[in-house]
């Protein structure tokens, strides 16, 4: 592997880890994994009581996860359906395994 490739992968992994650095976003990932094609309002209703429940805050968390490539979003009329990008998740798992 070239040094440029390693550096790019390292930066991408760091960005993903930063995206998962919030327990709320980890909770969102758990929920979406169990409920593929869920909509944002469903996620909001199932967050723990001590999680922020403002729609704008949820939207920010979802955007961070999408920007990191962990979630995919698809419009369904006025709603947006979310699912985990399993290829990206597998990439993250491989990157973390390579740290050993």
PDB file of N, CA and C in Angstrom:
ATOM      1  N   UNK A   1       0.831  -1.172   0.000  1.00  0.00           N
ATOM      2  CA  UNK A   1       0.000   0.000   0.000  1.00  0.00           C
ATOM      3  C   UNK A   1       0.881   1.243   0.000  1.00  0.00           C
ATOM      4  N   UNK A   2       0.487   2.242  -0.741  1.00  0.00           N
ATOM      5  CA  UNK A   2       1.282   3.458  -0.788  1.00  0.00           C
ATOM      6  C   UNK A   2       1.023   4.310   0.446  1.00  0.00           C
ATOM      7  N   UNK A   3       1.978   5.183   0.734  1.00  0.00           N
ATOM      8  CA  UNK A   3       1.841   6.074   1.887  1.00  0.00           C
ATOM      9  C   UNK A   3       0.639   6.980   1.727  1.00  0.00           C
ATOM     10  N   UNK A   4       0.384   7.483   0.524  1.00  0.00           N
ATOM     11  CA  UNK A   4      -0.769   8.357   0.293  1.00  0.00           C
ATOM     12  C   UNK A   4      -2.062   7.624   0.596  1.00  0.00           C
ATOM     13  N   UNK A   5      -2.150   6.363   0.207  1.00  0.00           N
ATOM     14  CA  UNK A   5      -3.346   5.557   0.466  1.00  0.00           C
ATOM     15  C   UNK A   5      -3.547   5.358   1.968  1.00  0.00           C
ATOM     16  N   UNK A   6      -2.472   5.049   2.662  1.00  0.00           N
ATOM     17  CA  UNK A   6      -2.543   4.841   4.106  1.00  0.00           C
ATOM     18  C   UNK A   6      -3.009   6.124   4.788  1.00  0.00           C
ATOM     19  N   UNK A   7      -2.467   7.244   4.395  1.00  0.00           N
ATOM     20  CA  UNK A   7      -2.854   8.505   5.017  1.00  0.00           C
ATOM     21  C   UNK A   7      -4.325   8.811   4.757  1.00  0.00           C
ATOM     22  N   UNK A   8      -4.803   8.558   3.549  1.00  0.00           N
ATOM     23  CA  UNK A   8      -6.209   8.821   3.234  1.00  0.00           C
ATOM     24  C   UNK A   8      -7.108   7.907   4.062  1.00  0.00           C
ATOM     25  N   UNK A   9      -6.766   6.618   4.141  1.00  0.00           N
ATOM     26  CA  UNK A   9      -7.545   5.689   4.954  1.00  0.00           C
ATOM     27  C   UNK A   9      -7.520   6.103   6.427  1.00  0.00           C
ATOM     28  N   UNK A  10      -6.360   6.523   6.911  1.00  0.00           N
ATOM     29  CA  UNK A  10      -6.255   6.952   8.302  1.00  0.00           C
ATOM     30  C   UNK A  10      -7.146   8.158   8.568  1.00  0.00           C
ATOM     31  N   UNK A  11      -7.158   9.088   7.643  1.00  0.00           N
ATOM     32  CA  UNK A  11      -8.004  10.277   7.811  1.00  0.00           C
ATOM     33  C   UNK A  11      -9.484   9.901   7.765  1.00  0.00           C
ATOM     34  N   UNK A  12      -9.834   9.034   6.838  1.00  0.00           N
ATOM     35  CA  UNK A  12     -11.233   8.590   6.748  1.00  0.00           C
ATOM     36  C   UNK A  12     -11.660   7.876   8.017  1.00  0.00           C
ATOM     37  N   UNK A  13     -10.801   7.007   8.538  1.00  0.00           N
ATOM     38  CA  UNK A  13     -11.124   6.287   9.762  1.00  0.00           C
ATOM     39  C   UNK A  13     -11.279   7.265  10.925  1.00  0.00           C
ATOM     40  N   UNK A  14     -10.405   8.241  11.002  1.00  0.00           N
ATOM     41  CA  UNK A  14     -10.508   9.244  12.063  1.00  0.00           C
ATOM     42  C   UNK A  14     -11.826  10.010  11.959  1.00  0.00           C
ATOM     43  N   UNK A  15     -12.237  10.345  10.742  1.00  0.00           N
ATOM     44  CA  UNK A  15     -13.509  11.046  10.541  1.00  0.00           C
ATOM     45  C   UNK A  15     -14.693  10.187  10.988  1.00  0.00           C
ATOM     46  N   UNK A  16     -14.643   8.901  10.673  1.00  0.00           N
ATOM     47  CA  UNK A  16     -15.721   7.989  11.076  1.00  0.00           C
ATOM     48  C   UNK A  16     -15.746   7.855  12.602  1.00  0.00           C
ATOM     49  N   UNK A  17     -14.573   7.726  13.199  1.00  0.00           N
ATOM     50  CA  UNK A  17     -14.513   7.616  14.658  1.00  0.00           C
ATOM     51  C   UNK A  17     -15.055   8.882  15.315  1.00  0.00           C
ATOM     52  N   UNK A  18     -14.760  10.019  14.730  1.00  0.00           N
ATOM     53  CA  UNK A  18     -15.293  11.282  15.248  1.00  0.00           C
ATOM     54  C   UNK A  18     -16.817  11.285  15.145  1.00  0.00           C
ATOM     55  N   UNK A  19     -17.342  10.795  14.028  1.00  0.00           N
ATOM     56  CA  UNK A  19     -18.799  10.734  13.851  1.00  0.00           C
ATOM     57  C   UNK A  19     -19.434   9.828  14.892  1.00  0.00           C
ATOM     58  N   UNK A  20     -18.737   8.771  15.284  1.00  0.00           N
ATOM     59  CA  UNK A  20     -19.253   7.836  16.287  1.00  0.00           C
ATOM     60  C   UNK A  20     -18.868   8.248  17.703  1.00  0.00           C
ATOM     61  N   UNK A  21     -18.264   9.408  17.835  1.00  0.00           N
ATOM     62  CA  UNK A  21     -17.810   9.881  19.135  1.00  0.00           C
ATOM     63  C   UNK A  21     -18.918  10.381  20.042  1.00  0.00           C
ATOM     64  N   UNK A  22     -20.130  10.397  19.563  1.00  0.00           N
ATOM     65  CA  UNK A  22     -21.282  10.798  20.371  1.00  0.00           C
ATOM     66  C   UNK A  22     -22.130   9.568  20.666  1.00  0.00           C
ATOM     67  N   UNK A  23     -22.455   9.362  21.928  1.00  0.00           N
ATOM     68  CA  UNK A  23     -23.265   8.193  22.283  1.00  0.00           C
ATOM     69  C   UNK A  23     -24.635   8.260  21.624  1.00  0.00           C
ATOM     70  N   UNK A  24     -25.122   9.457  21.363  1.00  0.00           N
ATOM     71  CA  UNK A  24     -26.421   9.584  20.693  1.00  0.00           C
ATOM     72  C   UNK A  24     -26.326   9.024  19.277  1.00  0.00           C
ATOM     73  N   UNK A  25     -25.233   9.328  18.575  1.00  0.00           N
ATOM     74  CA  UNK A  25     -25.074   8.807  17.217  1.00  0.00           C
ATOM     75  C   UNK A  25     -24.888   7.299  17.224  1.00  0.00           C
ATOM     76  N   UNK A  26     -24.231   6.768  18.234  1.00  0.00           N
ATOM     77  CA  UNK A  26     -24.109   5.311  18.354  1.00  0.00           C
ATOM     78  C   UNK A  26     -25.500   4.705  18.563  1.00  0.00           C
ATOM     79  N   UNK A  27     -26.313   5.330  19.392  1.00  0.00           N
ATOM     80  CA  UNK A  27     -27.690   4.863  19.597  1.00  0.00           C
ATOM     81  C   UNK A  27     -28.488   4.911  18.299  1.00  0.00           C
ATOM     82  N   UNK A  28     -28.301   5.960  17.526  1.00  0.00           N
ATOM     83  CA  UNK A  28     -28.980   6.072  16.225  1.00  0.00           C
ATOM     84  C   UNK A  28     -28.556   4.926  15.320  1.00  0.00           C
ATOM     85  N   UNK A  29     -27.250   4.636  15.281  1.00  0.00           N
ATOM     86  CA  UNK A  29     -26.761   3.531  14.451  1.00  0.00           C
ATOM     87  C   UNK A  29     -27.393   2.210  14.887  1.00  0.00           C
ATOM     88  N   UNK A  30     -27.456   1.955  16.188  1.00  0.00           N
ATOM     89  CA  UNK A  30     -28.095   0.732  16.693  1.00  0.00           C
ATOM     90  C   UNK A  30     -29.543   0.654  16.226  1.00  0.00           C
ATOM     91  N   UNK A  31     -30.261   1.756  16.349  1.00  0.00           N
ATOM     92  CA  UNK A  31     -31.675   1.750  15.978  1.00  0.00           C
ATOM     93  C   UNK A  31     -31.845   1.484  14.480  1.00  0.00           C
ATOM     94  N   UNK A  32     -31.063   2.176  13.663  1.00  0.00           N
ATOM     95  CA  UNK A  32     -31.198   2.019  12.210  1.00  0.00           C
ATOM     96  C   UNK A  32     -30.779   0.617  11.771  1.00  0.00           C
ATOM     97  N   UNK A  33     -29.782   0.037  12.422  1.00  0.00           N
ATOM     98  CA  UNK A  33     -29.402  -1.343  12.104  1.00  0.00           C
ATOM     99  C   UNK A  33     -30.561  -2.303  12.348  1.00  0.00           C
ATOM    100  N   UNK A  34     -31.292  -2.072  13.432  1.00  0.00           N
ATOM    101  CA  UNK A  34     -32.422  -2.947  13.764  1.00  0.00           C
ATOM    102  C   UNK A  34     -33.685  -2.606  12.965  1.00  0.00           C
ATOM    103  N   UNK A  35     -33.762  -1.383  12.417  1.00  0.00           N
ATOM    104  CA  UNK A  35     -34.962  -0.923  11.706  1.00  0.00           C
ATOM    105  C   UNK A  35     -34.569  -0.276  10.379  1.00  0.00           C
ATOM    106  N   UNK A  36     -34.112  -1.067   9.404  1.00  0.00           N
ATOM    107  CA  UNK A  36     -33.725  -0.475   8.121  1.00  0.00           C
ATOM    108  C   UNK A  36     -34.917   0.219   7.472  1.00  0.00           C
ATOM    109  N   UNK A  37     -34.628   1.280   6.758  1.00  0.00           N
ATOM    110  CA  UNK A  37     -35.633   2.093   6.065  1.00  0.00           C
ATOM    111  C   UNK A  37     -36.568   2.805   7.027  1.00  0.00           C
ATOM    112  N   UNK A  38     -36.079   3.086   8.244  1.00  0.00           N
ATOM    113  CA  UNK A  38     -36.882   3.847   9.191  1.00  0.00           C
ATOM    114  C   UNK A  38     -36.826   5.320   8.808  1.00  0.00           C
ATOM    115  N   UNK A  39     -37.755   6.091   9.327  1.00  0.00           N
ATOM    116  CA  UNK A  39     -37.761   7.527   9.077  1.00  0.00           C
ATOM    117  C   UNK A  39     -37.293   8.253  10.329  1.00  0.00           C
ATOM    118  N   UNK A  40     -36.868   9.485  10.154  1.00  0.00           N
ATOM    119  CA  UNK A  40     -36.299  10.258  11.253  1.00  0.00           C
ATOM    120  C   UNK A  40     -37.192  10.343  12.468  1.00  0.00           C
ATOM    121  N   UNK A  41     -38.488  10.526  12.280  1.00  0.00           N
ATOM    122  CA  UNK A  41     -39.399  10.637  13.420  1.00  0.00           C
ATOM    123  C   UNK A  41     -39.419   9.354  14.241  1.00  0.00           C
ATOM    124  N   UNK A  42     -39.300   8.205  13.598  1.00  0.00           N
ATOM    125  CA  UNK A  42     -39.246   6.939  14.339  1.00  0.00           C
ATOM    126  C   UNK A  42     -38.002   6.893  15.215  1.00  0.00           C
ATOM    127  N   UNK A  43     -36.886   7.338  14.663  1.00  0.00           N
ATOM    128  CA  UNK A  43     -35.632   7.350  15.422  1.00  0.00           C
ATOM    129  C   UNK A  43     -35.800   8.244  16.648  1.00  0.00           C
ATOM    130  N   UNK A  44     -36.348   9.417  16.431  1.00  0.00           N
ATOM    131  CA  UNK A  44     -36.519  10.382  17.510  1.00  0.00           C
ATOM    132  C   UNK A  44     -37.340   9.803  18.648  1.00  0.00           C
ATOM    133  N   UNK A  45     -38.387   9.071  18.319  1.00  0.00           N
ATOM    134  CA  UNK A  45     -39.268   8.497  19.342  1.00  0.00           C
ATOM    135  C   UNK A  45     -38.603   7.389  20.145  1.00  0.00           C
ATOM    136  N   UNK A  46     -37.574   6.767  19.595  1.00  0.00           N
ATOM    137  CA  UNK A  46     -36.961   5.618  20.255  1.00  0.00           C
ATOM    138  C   UNK A  46     -35.591   5.900  20.875  1.00  0.00           C
ATOM    139  N   UNK A  47     -35.193   7.154  20.893  1.00  0.00           N
ATOM    140  CA  UNK A  47     -33.945   7.492  21.571  1.00  0.00           C
ATOM    141  C   UNK A  47     -34.159   7.417  23.080  1.00  0.00           C
ATOM    142  N   UNK A  48     -33.117   7.125  23.834  1.00  0.00           N
ATOM    143  CA  UNK A  48     -33.252   7.085  25.297  1.00  0.00           C
ATOM    144  C   UNK A  48     -33.769   8.415  25.842  1.00  0.00           C
ATOM    145  N   UNK A  49     -34.390   8.366  27.000  1.00  0.00           N
ATOM    146  CA  UNK A  49     -34.977   9.565  27.602  1.00  0.00           C
ATOM    147  C   UNK A  49     -33.969  10.677  27.819  1.00  0.00           C
ATOM    148  N   UNK A  50     -32.719  10.325  28.113  1.00  0.00           N
ATOM    149  CA  UNK A  50     -31.725  11.362  28.371  1.00  0.00           C
ATOM    150  C   UNK A  50     -31.033  11.870  27.104  1.00  0.00           C
ATOM    151  N   UNK A  51     -31.509  11.425  25.951  1.00  0.00           N
ATOM    152  CA  UNK A  51     -30.983  11.928  24.672  1.00  0.00           C
ATOM    153  C   UNK A  51     -31.746  13.197  24.290  1.00  0.00           C
ATOM    154  N   UNK A  52     -31.105  14.063  23.507  1.00  0.00           N
ATOM    155  CA  UNK A  52     -31.821  15.247  23.040  1.00  0.00           C
ATOM    156  C   UNK A  52     -32.955  14.839  22.101  1.00  0.00           C
ATOM    157  N   UNK A  53     -34.092  15.457  22.253  1.00  0.00           N
ATOM    158  CA  UNK A  53     -35.255  15.069  21.455  1.00  0.00           C
ATOM    159  C   UNK A  53     -35.750  16.172  20.525  1.00  0.00           C
ATOM    160  N   UNK A  54     -34.937  17.149  20.264  1.00  0.00           N
ATOM    161  CA  UNK A  54     -35.311  18.182  19.304  1.00  0.00           C
ATOM    162  C   UNK A  54     -35.051  17.664  17.889  1.00  0.00           C
ATOM    163  N   UNK A  55     -35.975  17.909  16.986  1.00  0.00           N
ATOM    164  CA  UNK A  55     -35.835  17.461  15.598  1.00  0.00           C
ATOM    165  C   UNK A  55     -34.565  18.033  14.967  1.00  0.00           C
ATOM    166  N   UNK A  56     -34.268  19.285  15.278  1.00  0.00           N
ATOM    167  CA  UNK A  56     -33.079  19.908  14.687  1.00  0.00           C
ATOM    168  C   UNK A  56     -31.797  19.218  15.162  1.00  0.00           C
ATOM    169  N   UNK A  57     -31.765  18.802  16.420  1.00  0.00           N
ATOM    170  CA  UNK A  57     -30.591  18.096  16.948  1.00  0.00           C
ATOM    171  C   UNK A  57     -30.453  16.732  16.292  1.00  0.00           C
ATOM    172  N   UNK A  58     -31.569  16.027  16.153  1.00  0.00           N
ATOM    173  CA  UNK A  58     -31.536  14.736  15.465  1.00  0.00           C
ATOM    174  C   UNK A  58     -31.044  14.908  14.036  1.00  0.00           C
ATOM    175  N   UNK A  59     -31.534  15.932  13.358  1.00  0.00           N
ATOM    176  CA  UNK A  59     -31.110  16.186  11.975  1.00  0.00           C
ATOM    177  C   UNK A  59     -29.606  16.393  11.893  1.00  0.00           C
ATOM    178  N   UNK A  60     -29.050  17.099  12.867  1.00  0.00           N
ATOM    179  CA  UNK A  60     -27.591  17.312  12.891  1.00  0.00           C
ATOM    180  C   UNK A  60     -26.855  15.992  13.054  1.00  0.00           C
ATOM    181  N   UNK A  61     -27.316  15.167  13.982  1.00  0.00           N
ATOM    182  CA  UNK A  61     -26.673  13.868  14.199  1.00  0.00           C
ATOM    183  C   UNK A  61     -26.764  13.003  12.947  1.00  0.00           C
ATOM    184  N   UNK A  62     -27.919  12.985  12.303  1.00  0.00           N
ATOM    185  CA  UNK A  62     -28.084  12.199  11.075  1.00  0.00           C
ATOM    186  C   UNK A  62     -27.173  12.711   9.971  1.00  0.00           C
ATOM    187  N   UNK A  63     -27.021  14.022   9.870  1.00  0.00           N
ATOM    188  CA  UNK A  63     -26.141  14.594   8.854  1.00  0.00           C
ATOM    189  C   UNK A  63     -24.695  14.169   9.083  1.00  0.00           C
ATOM    190  N   UNK A  64     -24.244  14.184  10.336  1.00  0.00           N
ATOM    191  CA  UNK A  64     -22.869  13.771  10.647  1.00  0.00           C
ATOM    192  C   UNK A  64     -22.651  12.314  10.234  1.00  0.00           C
ATOM    193  N   UNK A  65     -23.616  11.457  10.544  1.00  0.00           N
ATOM    194  CA  UNK A  65     -23.499  10.034  10.180  1.00  0.00           C
ATOM    195  C   UNK A  65     -23.545   9.843   8.662  1.00  0.00           C
ATOM    196  N   UNK A  66     -24.366  10.619   7.979  1.00  0.00           N
ATOM    197  CA  UNK A  66     -24.402  10.544   6.507  1.00  0.00           C
ATOM    198  C   UNK A  66     -23.088  11.043   5.917  1.00  0.00           C
ATOM    199  N   UNK A  67     -22.599  12.165   6.423  1.00  0.00           N
ATOM    200  CA  UNK A  67     -21.337  12.727   5.907  1.00  0.00           C
ATOM    201  C   UNK A  67     -20.173  11.757   6.099  1.00  0.00           C
ATOM    202  N   UNK A  68     -20.216  10.964   7.152  1.00  0.00           N
ATOM    203  CA  UNK A  68     -19.159   9.971   7.400  1.00  0.00           C
ATOM    204  C   UNK A  68     -19.364   8.714   6.560  1.00  0.00           C
ATOM    205  N   UNK A  69     -20.479   8.655   5.835  1.00  0.00           N
ATOM    206  CA  UNK A  69     -20.753   7.504   4.985  1.00  0.00           C
ATOM    207  C   UNK A  69     -21.352   6.323   5.725  1.00  0.00           C
ATOM    208  N   UNK A  70     -21.727   6.514   6.985  1.00  0.00           N
ATOM    209  CA  UNK A  70     -22.265   5.405   7.777  1.00  0.00           C
ATOM    210  C   UNK A  70     -23.752   5.175   7.535  1.00  0.00           C
ATOM    211  N   UNK A  71     -24.469   6.229   7.198  1.00  0.00           N
ATOM    212  CA  UNK A  71     -25.894   6.110   6.901  1.00  0.00           C
ATOM    213  C   UNK A  71     -26.152   6.541   5.473  1.00  0.00           C
ATOM    214  N   UNK A  72     -27.139   5.907   4.879  1.00  0.00           N
ATOM    215  CA  UNK A  72     -27.642   6.314   3.571  1.00  0.00           C
ATOM    216  C   UNK A  72     -29.055   6.824   3.782  1.00  0.00           C
ATOM    217  N   UNK A  73     -29.433   7.824   3.023  1.00  0.00           N
ATOM    218  CA  UNK A  73     -30.760   8.409   3.161  1.00  0.00           C
ATOM    219  C   UNK A  73     -31.419   8.450   1.795  1.00  0.00           C
ATOM    220  N   UNK A  74     -32.707   8.173   1.796  1.00  0.00           N
ATOM    221  CA  UNK A  74     -33.474   8.199   0.559  1.00  0.00           C
ATOM    222  C   UNK A  74     -34.819   8.845   0.851  1.00  0.00           C
ATOM    223  N   UNK A  75     -35.181   9.818   0.026  1.00  0.00           N
ATOM    224  CA  UNK A  75     -36.453  10.497   0.214  1.00  0.00           C
ATOM    225  C   UNK A  75     -37.618   9.590  -0.133  1.00  0.00           C
ATOM    226  N   UNK A  76     -38.654   9.676   0.687  1.00  0.00           N
ATOM    227  CA  UNK A  76     -39.894   8.933   0.458  1.00  0.00           C
ATOM    228  C   UNK A  76     -41.030   9.914   0.706  1.00  0.00           C
ATOM    229  N   UNK A  77     -41.331  10.711  -0.319  1.00  0.00           N
ATOM    230  CA  UNK A  77     -42.298  11.783  -0.137  1.00  0.00           C
ATOM    231  C   UNK A  77     -41.697  12.800   0.822  1.00  0.00           C
ATOM    232  N   UNK A  78     -42.468  13.226   1.822  1.00  0.00           N
ATOM    233  CA  UNK A  78     -41.938  14.214   2.766  1.00  0.00           C
ATOM    234  C   UNK A  78     -40.981  13.606   3.795  1.00  0.00           C
ATOM    235  N   UNK A  79     -40.959  12.289   3.889  1.00  0.00           N
ATOM    236  CA  UNK A  79     -40.098  11.616   4.871  1.00  0.00           C
ATOM    237  C   UNK A  79     -38.776  11.209   4.227  1.00  0.00           C
ATOM    238  N   UNK A  80     -37.793  10.994   5.067  1.00  0.00           N
ATOM    239  CA  UNK A  80     -36.497  10.485   4.619  1.00  0.00           C
ATOM    240  C   UNK A  80     -36.279   9.151   5.321  1.00  0.00           C
ATOM    241  N   UNK A  81     -35.984   8.129   4.529  1.00  0.00           N
ATOM    242  CA  UNK A  81     -35.728   6.793   5.066  1.00  0.00           C
ATOM    243  C   UNK A  81     -34.225   6.603   5.231  1.00  0.00           C
ATOM    244  N   UNK A  82     -33.828   6.002   6.332  1.00  0.00           N
ATOM    245  CA  UNK A  82     -32.414   5.797   6.639  1.00  0.00           C
ATOM    246  C   UNK A  82     -32.086   4.319   6.726  1.00  0.00           C
ATOM    247  N   UNK A  83     -30.884   3.986   6.295  1.00  0.00           N
ATOM    248  CA  UNK A  83     -30.365   2.629   6.472  1.00  0.00           C
ATOM    249  C   UNK A  83     -28.850   2.723   6.610  1.00  0.00           C
ATOM    250  N   UNK A  84     -28.287   1.736   7.269  1.00  0.00           N
ATOM    251  CA  UNK A  84     -26.848   1.702   7.489  1.00  0.00           C
ATOM    252  C   UNK A  84     -26.164   1.295   6.189  1.00  0.00           C
ATOM    253  N   UNK A  85     -25.089   1.972   5.870  1.00  0.00           N
ATOM    254  CA  UNK A  85     -24.254   1.621   4.725  1.00  0.00           C
ATOM    255  C   UNK A  85     -23.351   0.475   5.180  1.00  0.00           C
ATOM    256  N   UNK A  86     -23.774  -0.730   4.894  1.00  0.00           N
ATOM    257  CA  UNK A  86     -23.066  -1.916   5.396  1.00  0.00           C
ATOM    258  C   UNK A  86     -21.667  -2.056   4.793  1.00  0.00           C
ATOM    259  N   UNK A  87     -21.474  -1.588   3.573  1.00  0.00           N
ATOM    260  CA  UNK A  87     -20.134  -1.628   2.983  1.00  0.00           C
ATOM    261  C   UNK A  87     -19.184  -0.725   3.760  1.00  0.00           C
ATOM    262  N   UNK A  88     -19.671   0.455   4.121  1.00  0.00           N
ATOM    263  CA  UNK A  88     -18.841   1.390   4.879  1.00  0.00           C
ATOM    264  C   UNK A  88     -18.557   0.821   6.276  1.00  0.00           C
ATOM    265  N   UNK A  89     -19.555   0.225   6.876  1.00  0.00           N
ATOM    266  CA  UNK A  89     -19.380  -0.370   8.194  1.00  0.00           C
ATOM    267  C   UNK A  89     -18.360  -1.510   8.142  1.00  0.00           C
ATOM    268  N   UNK A  90     -18.409  -2.318   7.089  1.00  0.00           N
ATOM    269  CA  UNK A  90     -17.428  -3.397   6.920  1.00  0.00           C
ATOM    270  C   UNK A  90     -16.030  -2.804   6.733  1.00  0.00           C
ATOM    271  N   UNK A  91     -15.931  -1.699   6.002  1.00  0.00           N
ATOM    272  CA  UNK A  91     -14.639  -1.031   5.806  1.00  0.00           C
ATOM    273  C   UNK A  91     -14.086  -0.566   7.149  1.00  0.00           C
ATOM    274  N   UNK A  92     -14.950   0.026   7.972  1.00  0.00           N
ATOM    275  CA  UNK A  92     -14.527   0.497   9.293  1.00  0.00           C
ATOM    276  C   UNK A  92     -14.043  -0.682  10.135  1.00  0.00           C
ATOM    277  N   UNK A  93     -14.785  -1.760  10.115  1.00  0.00           N
ATOM    278  CA  UNK A  93     -14.389  -2.946  10.880  1.00  0.00           C
ATOM    279  C   UNK A  93     -13.025  -3.447  10.424  1.00  0.00           C
ATOM    280  N   UNK A  94     -12.786  -3.453   9.118  1.00  0.00           N
ATOM    281  CA  UNK A  94     -11.497  -3.919   8.599  1.00  0.00           C
ATOM    282  C   UNK A  94     -10.374  -2.967   9.014  1.00  0.00           C
ATOM    283  N   UNK A  95     -10.633  -1.674   8.942  1.00  0.00           N
ATOM    284  CA  UNK A  95      -9.621  -0.689   9.341  1.00  0.00           C
ATOM    285  C   UNK A  95      -9.256  -0.860  10.813  1.00  0.00           C
ATOM    286  N   UNK A  96     -10.263  -1.085  11.645  1.00  0.00           N
ATOM    287  CA  UNK A  96     -10.007  -1.278  13.074  1.00  0.00           C
ATOM    288  C   UNK A  96      -9.265  -2.594  13.325  1.00  0.00           C
ATOM    289  N   UNK A  97      -9.610  -3.629  12.572  1.00  0.00           N
ATOM    290  CA  UNK A  97      -8.901  -4.911  12.707  1.00  0.00           C
ATOM    291  C   UNK A  97      -7.436  -4.752  12.312  1.00  0.00           C
ATOM    292  N   UNK A  98      -7.154  -3.914  11.326  1.00  0.00           N
ATOM    293  CA  UNK A  98      -5.782  -3.690  10.880  1.00  0.00           C
ATOM    294  C   UNK A  98      -4.931  -2.956  11.927  1.00  0.00           C
ATOM    295  N   UNK A  99      -5.557  -2.381  12.930  1.00  0.00           N
ATOM    296  CA  UNK A  99      -4.805  -1.687  13.974  1.00  0.00           C
ATOM    297  C   UNK A  99      -4.118  -2.653  14.934  1.00  0.00           C
ATOM    298  N   UNK A 100      -4.484  -3.915  14.888  1.00  0.00           N
ATOM    299  CA  UNK A 100      -3.911  -4.890  15.818  1.00  0.00           C
ATOM    300  C   UNK A 100      -2.497  -5.243  15.456  1.00  0.00           C
TER     301      UNK A 100
END
